[in-house]
Protein backbone atom coordinates (compact mmCIF):
# COMPACT_ATOMS: atom_id res chain seq x y z
CA UNK A 1 -0.03 -0.03 0.01
CA UNK A 2 1.30 3.46 -0.85
CA UNK A 3 1.80 6.02 1.87
CA UNK A 4 -0.01 9.36 1.63
CA UNK A 5 3.33 11.11 1.05
CA UNK A 6 4.15 8.92 -1.94
CA UNK A 7 0.73 9.43 -3.46
CA UNK A 8 1.05 13.22 -3.12
CA UNK A 9 4.51 13.17 -4.68
CA UNK A 10 3.24 10.96 -7.51
CA UNK A 11 0.25 13.23 -8.15
CA UNK A 12 2.47 16.34 -8.08
CA UNK A 13 4.88 14.78 -10.57
CA UNK A 14 1.98 13.74 -12.79
CA UNK A 15 0.53 17.22 -12.74
CA UNK A 16 3.89 18.86 -13.62
CA UNK A 17 4.52 16.42 -16.46
CA UNK A 18 0.98 16.86 -17.74
CA UNK A 19 1.16 20.67 -17.73
CA UNK A 20 4.61 20.83 -19.41
CA UNK A 21 3.40 18.53 -22.18
CA UNK A 22 0.39 20.68 -23.02
CA UNK A 23 0.17 22.75 -26.17
CA UNK A 24 -1.65 25.97 -25.40
CA UNK A 25 -1.01 27.81 -28.67
CA UNK A 26 -3.57 27.12 -31.33
CA UNK A 27 -3.20 27.89 -35.02
CA UNK A 28 -5.70 30.41 -36.22
CA UNK A 29 -7.84 29.12 -39.12
CA UNK A 30 -6.50 31.98 -41.37
CA UNK A 31 -2.90 31.00 -40.61
CA UNK A 32 -3.21 27.47 -41.91
CA UNK A 33 -1.81 28.58 -45.30
CA UNK A 34 1.17 30.39 -43.80
CA UNK A 35 4.32 28.31 -44.10
CA UNK A 36 7.56 28.28 -42.20
CA UNK A 37 10.45 28.38 -44.66
CA UNK A 38 14.04 29.53 -45.22
CA UNK A 39 15.54 32.77 -46.50
CA UNK A 40 16.51 30.89 -49.71
CA UNK A 41 12.81 30.20 -50.46
CA UNK A 42 11.58 33.81 -50.21
CA UNK A 43 13.79 35.52 -52.78
CA UNK A 44 10.81 36.24 -55.03
CA UNK A 45 8.54 37.33 -52.19
CA UNK A 46 7.69 40.72 -50.74
CA UNK A 47 8.82 41.36 -47.19
CA UNK A 48 5.85 42.56 -45.08
CA UNK A 49 7.57 43.12 -41.76
CA UNK A 50 8.69 41.27 -38.68
CA UNK A 51 6.86 39.47 -35.90
CA UNK A 52 8.33 39.01 -32.42
CA UNK A 53 6.64 36.27 -30.46
CA UNK A 54 7.10 34.87 -26.99
CA UNK A 55 5.75 32.29 -24.59
CA UNK A 56 6.66 30.65 -21.32
CA UNK A 57 9.57 28.24 -21.75
CA UNK A 58 9.15 27.09 -18.11
CA UNK A 59 6.00 26.02 -16.28
CA UNK A 60 6.00 25.79 -12.55
CA UNK A 61 9.75 25.96 -12.64
CA UNK A 62 10.12 23.04 -15.06
CA UNK A 63 11.67 23.66 -18.45
CA UNK A 64 9.43 22.73 -21.34
CA UNK A 65 10.53 20.59 -24.29
CA UNK A 66 12.64 22.58 -26.76
CA UNK A 67 10.75 21.01 -29.68
CA UNK A 68 7.34 21.98 -28.21
CA UNK A 69 8.51 25.54 -27.54
CA UNK A 70 9.84 25.82 -31.10
CA UNK A 71 6.60 24.50 -32.57
CA UNK A 72 4.51 26.92 -30.51
CA UNK A 73 6.68 29.91 -31.40
CA UNK A 74 6.24 28.99 -35.10
CA UNK A 75 2.51 28.79 -34.55
CA UNK A 76 2.49 32.21 -32.94
CA UNK A 77 4.60 33.50 -35.85
CA UNK A 78 2.21 32.03 -38.46
CA UNK A 79 -0.73 33.65 -36.60
CA UNK A 80 1.14 37.05 -36.54
CA UNK A 81 1.91 36.75 -40.28
CA UNK A 82 -1.74 36.92 -41.11
CA UNK A 83 -2.05 40.34 -39.36
CA UNK A 84 0.80 41.58 -41.54
CA UNK A 85 -0.62 40.29 -44.73
CA UNK A 86 1.95 37.49 -45.18
CA UNK A 87 1.79 33.87 -46.14
CA UNK A 88 5.36 32.79 -45.18
CA UNK A 89 7.70 33.23 -42.20
CA UNK A 90 11.40 32.80 -41.83
CA UNK A 91 13.11 32.60 -38.41
CA UNK A 92 15.13 35.82 -38.06
CA UNK A 93 16.56 34.89 -34.60
CA UNK A 94 17.37 31.99 -32.47
CA UNK A 95 15.01 30.94 -29.63
CA UNK A 96 16.06 32.64 -26.39
CA UNK A 97 14.09 32.34 -23.19
CA UNK A 98 10.90 31.53 -25.01
CA UNK A 99 11.27 34.42 -27.50
CA UNK A 100 11.83 34.46 -31.27
CA UNK A 101 11.58 36.84 -34.17
CA UNK A 102 10.32 35.95 -37.64
CA UNK A 103 10.48 37.85 -40.96
CA UNK A 104 7.14 37.86 -42.61
CA UNK A 105 6.78 37.54 -46.47
CA UNK A 106 4.02 37.59 -49.00
CA UNK A 107 4.89 35.04 -51.72
CA UNK A 108 3.21 34.44 -55.03
């Protein structure tokens, strides 16, 4: 039989792992056509501006998965591109403390 202390620790660990695995950022319906690409692929495109996005890279003091943070930042970048009239984004910076900048382009 598990002691009360072990059950509490298990539940606490379960909650932390569940929360850090969650994806909170949702892709806006209008942003589904916005693609993440490279500088090489936007040579014939019109630059529309830049989008700086950020999110929490730690939850309850636990560092979130780098891949999950990267994916969510790209989703935020794609959502932001719609507001700037773009259909493509290119990472313009590295990910630092849950922040990243994207160049936004309108491509034919």
